[in-house]
C-alpha atoms as a PDB file:
ATOM      1  CA  MET A   1      10.909  19.629  -0.756  1.00  0.00           C
ATOM      2  CA  LEU A   2       8.269  18.584  -3.281  1.00  0.00           C
ATOM      3  CA  LEU A   3       8.361  15.604  -5.597  1.00  0.00           C
ATOM      4  CA  GLY A   4       9.971  16.125  -8.987  1.00  0.00           C
ATOM      5  CA  ILE A   5       7.719  16.206 -12.047  1.00  0.00           C
ATOM      6  CA  GLU A   6       9.193  13.023 -13.535  1.00  0.00           C
ATOM      7  CA  GLN A   7       9.083  11.291 -10.167  1.00  0.00           C
ATOM      8  CA  ALA A   8       5.434  12.227  -9.605  1.00  0.00           C
ATOM      9  CA  ALA A   9       4.373  11.444 -13.193  1.00  0.00           C
ATOM     10  CA  GLY A  10       5.969   7.993 -13.169  1.00  0.00           C
ATOM     11  CA  PHE A  11       4.424   7.167  -9.822  1.00  0.00           C
ATOM     12  CA  LEU A  12       0.980   8.469 -10.858  1.00  0.00           C
ATOM     13  CA  ALA A  13       0.951   6.365 -14.034  1.00  0.00           C
ATOM     14  CA  ALA A  14       1.796   3.220 -12.081  1.00  0.00           C
ATOM     15  CA  ALA A  15      -0.697   4.080  -9.322  1.00  0.00           C
ATOM     16  CA  VAL A  16      -3.598   4.537 -11.768  1.00  0.00           C
ATOM     17  CA  LEU A  17      -2.872   1.213 -13.466  1.00  0.00           C
ATOM     18  CA  ILE A  18      -2.743  -0.557 -10.103  1.00  0.00           C
ATOM     19  CA  THR A  19      -5.957   1.088  -8.907  1.00  0.00           C
ATOM     20  CA  LEU A  20      -7.763   0.101 -12.109  1.00  0.00           C
ATOM     21  CA  SER A  21      -6.622  -3.516 -11.882  1.00  0.00           C
ATOM     22  CA  PRO A  22      -9.252  -5.905 -10.449  1.00  0.00           C
ATOM     23  CA  GLY A  23      -9.114  -6.101  -6.670  1.00  0.00           C
ATOM     24  CA  PRO A  24     -11.286  -6.146  -3.539  1.00  0.00           C
ATOM     25  CA  ASP A  25     -11.763  -2.367  -3.397  1.00  0.00           C
ATOM     26  CA  ASN A  26     -12.786  -2.166  -7.051  1.00  0.00           C
ATOM     27  CA  LEU A  27     -15.237  -5.020  -6.689  1.00  0.00           C
ATOM     28  CA  MET A  28     -16.812  -3.563  -3.558  1.00  0.00           C
ATOM     29  CA  VAL A  29     -17.212  -0.112  -5.120  1.00  0.00           C
ATOM     30  CA  LEU A  30     -18.728  -1.594  -8.292  1.00  0.00           C
ATOM     31  CA  SER A  31     -21.107  -3.893  -6.426  1.00  0.00           C
ATOM     32  CA  LEU A  32     -22.339  -1.110  -4.144  1.00  0.00           C
ATOM     33  CA  GLY A  33     -22.697   1.266  -7.073  1.00  0.00           C
ATOM     34  CA  VAL A  34     -24.877  -1.213  -8.935  1.00  0.00           C
ATOM     35  CA  ALA A  35     -26.891  -2.244  -5.879  1.00  0.00           C
ATOM     36  CA  ARG A  36     -27.379   1.142  -4.207  1.00  0.00           C
ATOM     37  CA  GLY A  37     -26.865   3.809  -6.859  1.00  0.00           C
ATOM     38  CA  ARG A  38     -24.341   6.388  -8.027  1.00  0.00           C
ATOM     39  CA  LYS A  39     -24.144   8.412  -4.822  1.00  0.00           C
ATOM     40  CA  GLN A  40     -23.669   5.382  -2.597  1.00  0.00           C
ATOM     41  CA  GLY A  41     -21.014   3.876  -4.869  1.00  0.00           C
ATOM     42  CA  MET A  42     -19.101   7.149  -5.056  1.00  0.00           C
ATOM     43  CA  VAL A  43     -19.266   7.757  -1.291  1.00  0.00           C
ATOM     44  CA  PHE A  44     -18.091   4.229  -0.503  1.00  0.00           C
ATOM     45  CA  GLY A  45     -15.303   4.610  -3.075  1.00  0.00           C
ATOM     46  CA  LEU A  46     -14.213   7.890  -1.496  1.00  0.00           C
ATOM     47  CA  GLY A  47     -14.035   6.138   1.875  1.00  0.00           C
ATOM     48  CA  CYS A  48     -11.896   3.372   0.378  1.00  0.00           C
ATOM     49  CA  ALA A  49      -9.575   5.948  -1.172  1.00  0.00           C
ATOM     50  CA  LEU A  50      -9.139   7.993   1.998  1.00  0.00           C
ATOM     51  CA  GLY A  51      -8.402   4.797   3.900  1.00  0.00           C
ATOM     52  CA  CYS A  52      -5.060   4.916   2.073  1.00  0.00           C
ATOM     53  CA  LEU A  53      -4.070   7.876   4.248  1.00  0.00           C
ATOM     54  CA  SER A  54      -3.655   5.576   7.238  1.00  0.00           C
ATOM     55  CA  HIS A  55      -1.322   3.331   5.231  1.00  0.00           C
ATOM     56  CA  THR A  56       0.577   6.400   4.066  1.00  0.00           C
ATOM     57  CA  LEU A  57       1.134   7.484   7.655  1.00  0.00           C
ATOM     58  CA  LEU A  58       2.261   4.008   8.664  1.00  0.00           C
ATOM     59  CA  ALA A  59       4.639   3.743   5.715  1.00  0.00           C
ATOM     60  CA  ALA A  60       6.076   7.206   6.328  1.00  0.00           C
ATOM     61  CA  LEU A  61       6.707   6.443   9.991  1.00  0.00           C
ATOM     62  CA  GLY A  62       8.152   3.008   9.277  1.00  0.00           C
ATOM     63  CA  ILE A  63       5.494   1.213  11.332  1.00  0.00           C
ATOM     64  CA  SER A  64       4.484  -0.883   8.337  1.00  0.00           C
ATOM     65  CA  ALA A  65       7.921  -2.515   8.331  1.00  0.00           C
ATOM     66  CA  LEU A  66       7.496  -3.450  11.963  1.00  0.00           C
ATOM     67  CA  LEU A  67       4.016  -4.844  11.296  1.00  0.00           C
ATOM     68  CA  ALA A  68       5.254  -6.883   8.339  1.00  0.00           C
ATOM     69  CA  ALA A  69       8.050  -8.319  10.479  1.00  0.00           C
ATOM     70  CA  SER A  70       5.578  -9.518  13.123  1.00  0.00           C
ATOM     71  CA  PRO A  71       3.617 -12.584  11.948  1.00  0.00           C
ATOM     72  CA  LEU A  72       1.352 -12.354  14.999  1.00  0.00           C
ATOM     73  CA  ALA A  73       0.441  -8.696  14.364  1.00  0.00           C
ATOM     74  CA  PHE A  74      -0.111  -9.340  10.663  1.00  0.00           C
ATOM     75  CA  SER A  75      -2.318 -12.371  11.347  1.00  0.00           C
ATOM     76  CA  ALA A  76      -4.390 -10.420  13.864  1.00  0.00           C
ATOM     77  CA  LEU A  77      -4.933  -7.539  11.448  1.00  0.00           C
ATOM     78  CA  LYS A  78      -5.725  -9.971   8.650  1.00  0.00           C
ATOM     79  CA  MET A  79      -8.368 -11.692  10.768  1.00  0.00           C
ATOM     80  CA  ALA A  80      -9.870  -8.331  11.758  1.00  0.00           C
ATOM     81  CA  GLY A  81     -10.033  -7.165   8.142  1.00  0.00           C
ATOM     82  CA  GLY A  82     -11.619 -10.412   6.965  1.00  0.00           C
ATOM     83  CA  ALA A  83     -14.153 -10.376   9.796  1.00  0.00           C
ATOM     84  CA  TYR A  84     -15.122  -6.800   8.943  1.00  0.00           C
ATOM     85  CA  LEU A  85     -15.731  -7.665   5.283  1.00  0.00           C
ATOM     86  CA  ILE A  86     -17.864 -10.636   6.325  1.00  0.00           C
ATOM     87  CA  TRP A  87     -19.828  -8.343   8.630  1.00  0.00           C
ATOM     88  CA  LEU A  88     -20.426  -5.960   5.715  1.00  0.00           C
ATOM     89  CA  GLY A  89     -21.692  -8.901   3.685  1.00  0.00           C
ATOM     90  CA  TRP A  90     -24.050  -9.947   6.472  1.00  0.00           C
ATOM     91  CA  GLN A  91     -25.406  -6.410   6.719  1.00  0.00           C
ATOM     92  CA  ALA A  92     -26.101  -6.409   2.980  1.00  0.00           C
ATOM     93  CA  TRP A  93     -27.871  -9.767   3.251  1.00  0.00           C
ATOM     94  CA  ARG A  94     -30.084  -8.392   6.021  1.00  0.00           C
ATOM     95  CA  SER A  95     -31.077  -5.419   3.865  1.00  0.00           C
ATOM     96  CA  GLN A  96     -34.630  -5.253   2.611  1.00  0.00           C
ATOM     97  CA  GLY A  97     -33.468  -3.881  -0.702  1.00  0.00           C
ATOM     98  CA  SER A  98     -32.072  -0.568  -1.810  1.00  0.00           C
ATOM     99  CA  LEU A  99     -35.396   0.721  -3.078  1.00  0.00           C
ATOM    100  CA  LEU A 100     -38.573   0.558  -1.035  1.00  0.00           C
ATOM    101  CA  ASN A 101     -40.645   2.367  -3.628  1.00  0.00           C
ATOM    102  CA  ALA A 102     -40.248   3.882  -7.056  1.00  0.00           C
ATOM    103  CA  GLY A 103     -38.060   6.963  -7.121  1.00  0.00           C
ATOM    104  CA  GLN A 104     -36.236   6.220  -3.853  1.00  0.00           C
ATOM    105  CA  GLN A 105     -32.592   5.485  -4.656  1.00  0.00           C
ATOM    106  CA  GLN A 106     -31.090   4.412  -1.377  1.00  0.00           C
ATOM    107  CA  ASN A 107     -31.719   2.257   1.626  1.00  0.00           C
ATOM    108  CA  PRO A 108     -32.983   4.707   4.274  1.00  0.00           C
ATOM    109  CA  ARG A 109     -31.126   2.753   6.942  1.00  0.00           C
ATOM    110  CA  GLU A 110     -27.806   3.255   5.154  1.00  0.00           C
ATOM    111  CA  SER A 111     -26.740   6.893   5.194  1.00  0.00           C
ATOM    112  CA  ALA A 112     -23.932   8.278   3.048  1.00  0.00           C
ATOM    113  CA  GLY A 113     -21.909   8.838   6.214  1.00  0.00           C
ATOM    114  CA  LYS A 114     -22.188   5.186   7.213  1.00  0.00           C
ATOM    115  CA  LEU A 115     -21.165   4.017   3.749  1.00  0.00           C
ATOM    116  CA  PHE A 116     -18.185   6.369   3.823  1.00  0.00           C
ATOM    117  CA  ILE A 117     -17.044   4.981   7.188  1.00  0.00           C
ATOM    118  CA  LYS A 118     -17.504   1.418   5.935  1.00  0.00           C
ATOM    119  CA  GLY A 119     -15.327   2.110   2.903  1.00  0.00           C
ATOM    120  CA  LEU A 120     -12.745   3.854   5.061  1.00  0.00           C
ATOM    121  CA  LEU A 121     -12.501   0.944   7.489  1.00  0.00           C
ATOM    122  CA  ALA A 122     -12.604  -1.728   4.769  1.00  0.00           C
ATOM    123  CA  ASN A 123      -9.432  -0.251   3.295  1.00  0.00           C
ATOM    124  CA  ALA A 124      -7.712   0.948   6.475  1.00  0.00           C
ATOM    125  CA  ILE A 125      -7.737  -2.454   8.207  1.00  0.00           C
ATOM    126  CA  ASN A 126      -6.727  -4.478   5.155  1.00  0.00           C
ATOM    127  CA  PRO A 127      -3.209  -5.786   5.951  1.00  0.00           C
ATOM    128  CA  LYS A 128      -2.486  -6.547   2.308  1.00  0.00           C
ATOM    129  CA  VAL A 129      -2.838  -2.842   1.526  1.00  0.00           C
ATOM    130  CA  VAL A 130      -0.417  -2.103   4.366  1.00  0.00           C
ATOM    131  CA  LEU A 131       2.147  -4.408   2.796  1.00  0.00           C
ATOM    132  CA  PHE A 132       1.414  -3.048  -0.663  1.00  0.00           C
ATOM    133  CA  PHE A 133       2.232   0.474   0.456  1.00  0.00           C
ATOM    134  CA  LEU A 134       5.346  -0.798   2.201  1.00  0.00           C
ATOM    135  CA  ALA A 135       6.541  -2.457  -1.012  1.00  0.00           C
ATOM    136  CA  PHE A 136       5.268   0.041  -3.599  1.00  0.00           C
ATOM    137  CA  LEU A 137       5.946   3.537  -2.281  1.00  0.00           C
ATOM    138  CA  PRO A 138       9.687   3.106  -1.579  1.00  0.00           C
ATOM    139  CA  GLN A 139      10.276   2.189  -5.239  1.00  0.00           C
ATOM    140  CA  PHE A 140       9.596   5.821  -6.172  1.00  0.00           C
ATOM    141  CA  VAL A 141      11.531   7.401  -3.320  1.00  0.00           C
ATOM    142  CA  ILE A 142      14.829   8.991  -4.406  1.00  0.00           C
ATOM    143  CA  SER A 143      17.113   8.392  -1.459  1.00  0.00           C
ATOM    144  CA  GLN A 144      19.732  10.855  -2.711  1.00  0.00           C
ATOM    145  CA  GLN A 145      17.237  13.677  -2.208  1.00  0.00           C
ATOM    146  CA  GLY A 146      16.832  12.843   1.473  1.00  0.00           C
ATOM    147  CA  HIS A 147      13.647  13.462   3.485  1.00  0.00           C
ATOM    148  CA  ILE A 148      12.563   9.840   2.913  1.00  0.00           C
ATOM    149  CA  GLY A 149       9.539  10.086   5.189  1.00  0.00           C
ATOM    150  CA  TRP A 150       8.331  13.305   3.536  1.00  0.00           C
ATOM    151  CA  GLN A 151       8.733  11.832   0.037  1.00  0.00           C
ATOM    152  CA  THR A 152       6.787   8.752   1.143  1.00  0.00           C
ATOM    153  CA  ALA A 153       4.019  10.902   2.582  1.00  0.00           C
ATOM    154  CA  GLN A 154       3.690  12.871  -0.665  1.00  0.00           C
ATOM    155  CA  LEU A 155       3.564   9.685  -2.734  1.00  0.00           C
ATOM    156  CA  GLY A 156       0.887   8.253  -0.459  1.00  0.00           C
ATOM    157  CA  LEU A 157      -1.172  11.426  -0.732  1.00  0.00           C
ATOM    158  CA  LEU A 158      -0.857  11.361  -4.522  1.00  0.00           C
ATOM    159  CA  PHE A 159      -1.984   7.726  -4.532  1.00  0.00           C
ATOM    160  CA  THR A 160      -4.972   8.619  -2.347  1.00  0.00           C
ATOM    161  CA  LEU A 161      -6.036  11.479  -4.629  1.00  0.00           C
ATOM    162  CA  GLN A 162      -5.940   9.392  -7.790  1.00  0.00           C
ATOM    163  CA  ALA A 163      -7.730   6.530  -6.032  1.00  0.00           C
ATOM    164  CA  ALA A 164     -10.519   8.937  -5.023  1.00  0.00           C
ATOM    165  CA  VAL A 165     -10.962   9.946  -8.673  1.00  0.00           C
ATOM    166  CA  VAL A 166     -10.837   6.381 -10.019  1.00  0.00           C
ATOM    167  CA  PHE A 167     -13.154   4.923  -7.378  1.00  0.00           C
ATOM    168  CA  GLY A 168     -15.510   7.876  -7.761  1.00  0.00           C
ATOM    169  CA  LEU A 169     -15.794   7.237 -11.496  1.00  0.00           C
ATOM    170  CA  LEU A 170     -16.278   3.507 -10.909  1.00  0.00           C
ATOM    171  CA  GLY A 171     -19.049   4.195  -8.417  1.00  0.00           C
ATOM    172  CA  TYR A 172     -20.708   6.711 -10.723  1.00  0.00           C
ATOM    173  CA  PHE A 173     -20.789   4.518 -13.808  1.00  0.00           C
ATOM    174  CA  ALA A 174     -21.689   1.400 -11.818  1.00  0.00           C
ATOM    175  CA  GLY A 175     -24.566   3.340 -10.292  1.00  0.00           C
ATOM    176  CA  HIS A 176     -25.647   4.557 -13.707  1.00  0.00           C
ATOM    177  CA  ALA A 177     -25.717   0.978 -14.978  1.00  0.00           C
ATOM    178  CA  GLY A 178     -27.552  -0.170 -11.871  1.00  0.00           C
ATOM    179  CA  HIS A 179     -30.144   2.602 -11.963  1.00  0.00           C
ATOM    180  CA  TRP A 180     -32.442   0.773 -14.337  1.00  0.00           C
ATOM    181  CA  LEU A 181     -31.912  -2.475 -12.434  1.00  0.00           C
ATOM    182  CA  ASN A 182     -33.269  -0.954  -9.228  1.00  0.00           C
ATOM    183  CA  THR A 183     -36.871  -0.840 -10.380  1.00  0.00           C
ATOM    184  CA  SER A 184     -38.442  -2.974  -7.666  1.00  0.00           C
ATOM    185  CA  PRO A 185     -37.753  -3.881  -4.024  1.00  0.00           C
ATOM    186  CA  ARG A 186     -37.390  -7.534  -4.991  1.00  0.00           C
ATOM    187  CA  ARG A 187     -34.778  -6.897  -7.656  1.00  0.00           C
ATOM    188  CA  SER A 188     -33.022  -4.412  -5.407  1.00  0.00           C
ATOM    189  CA  MET A 189     -32.915  -7.006  -2.634  1.00  0.00           C
ATOM    190  CA  LEU A 190     -31.335  -9.498  -5.037  1.00  0.00           C
ATOM    191  CA  LEU A 191     -28.612  -6.982  -5.884  1.00  0.00           C
ATOM    192  CA  ASP A 192     -27.930  -6.456  -2.191  1.00  0.00           C
ATOM    193  CA  ARG A 193     -27.657 -10.224  -1.729  1.00  0.00           C
ATOM    194  CA  LEU A 194     -25.122 -10.407  -4.540  1.00  0.00           C
ATOM    195  CA  ALA A 195     -23.115  -7.546  -3.052  1.00  0.00           C
ATOM    196  CA  GLY A 196     -23.271  -9.209   0.366  1.00  0.00           C
ATOM    197  CA  THR A 197     -22.056 -12.508  -1.072  1.00  0.00           C
ATOM    198  CA  LEU A 198     -19.142 -10.716  -2.713  1.00  0.00           C
ATOM    199  CA  PHE A 199     -18.152  -9.013   0.549  1.00  0.00           C
ATOM    200  CA  GLY A 200     -18.329 -12.335   2.383  1.00  0.00           C
ATOM    201  CA  LEU A 201     -16.176 -14.140  -0.168  1.00  0.00           C
ATOM    202  CA  LEU A 202     -13.576 -11.381  -0.086  1.00  0.00           C
ATOM    203  CA  GLY A 203     -13.516 -11.571   3.706  1.00  0.00           C
ATOM    204  CA  LEU A 204     -13.066 -15.340   3.693  1.00  0.00           C
ATOM    205  CA  LYS A 205     -10.286 -15.010   1.108  1.00  0.00           C
ATOM    206  CA  LEU A 206      -8.496 -12.470   3.296  1.00  0.00           C
ATOM    207  CA  ILE A 207      -8.703 -14.798   6.300  1.00  0.00           C
ATOM    208  CA  LEU A 208      -7.964 -18.120   4.620  1.00  0.00           C
ATOM    209  CA  VAL A 209      -5.539 -17.312   1.793  1.00  0.00           C
ATOM    210  CA  PRO A 210      -1.920 -16.732   2.938  1.00  0.00           C
END
């Protein structure tokens, strides 16, 4: 059984608005797009979007409810997510700049695959996204239609697809704006420092803010 047109359209409209609203994922995609370029911003954004698949699976199986009911499990995941964001920030601070010479548009030590995995993990281990999916997806499930888990899975997949498009566009346009900024190793290094600071602050917020 597939989602109804009205059900899918209403959910998609809400999902796009939520994805566009300022949040950690948006800020990370934008900062990386500006600091590293279009490709890097888009790849990282795609990783963030596909990280939603893990939350979809958890929500569909009901594991998210169990996680939310366990303060110890939630705290542990929250600490892990915050520590990972801080680690990303430290890696950016250690960077020698996105451009080492004119015409080179990425840090050679940071492959697209690595950026994709970083985006994937940054989203997948964020406990607030777990709880968001737990609270948001069921609002669009029509219980009378049955197949609750299958409806939830379809909604999560739809959310992931629109997030991939939105984050991809954010990364592209952020990279376009940052292209002219990346004209020297020194300026590029400054952009990496700013991105690293942002990651670190987001990580500390995840750990310290209830």
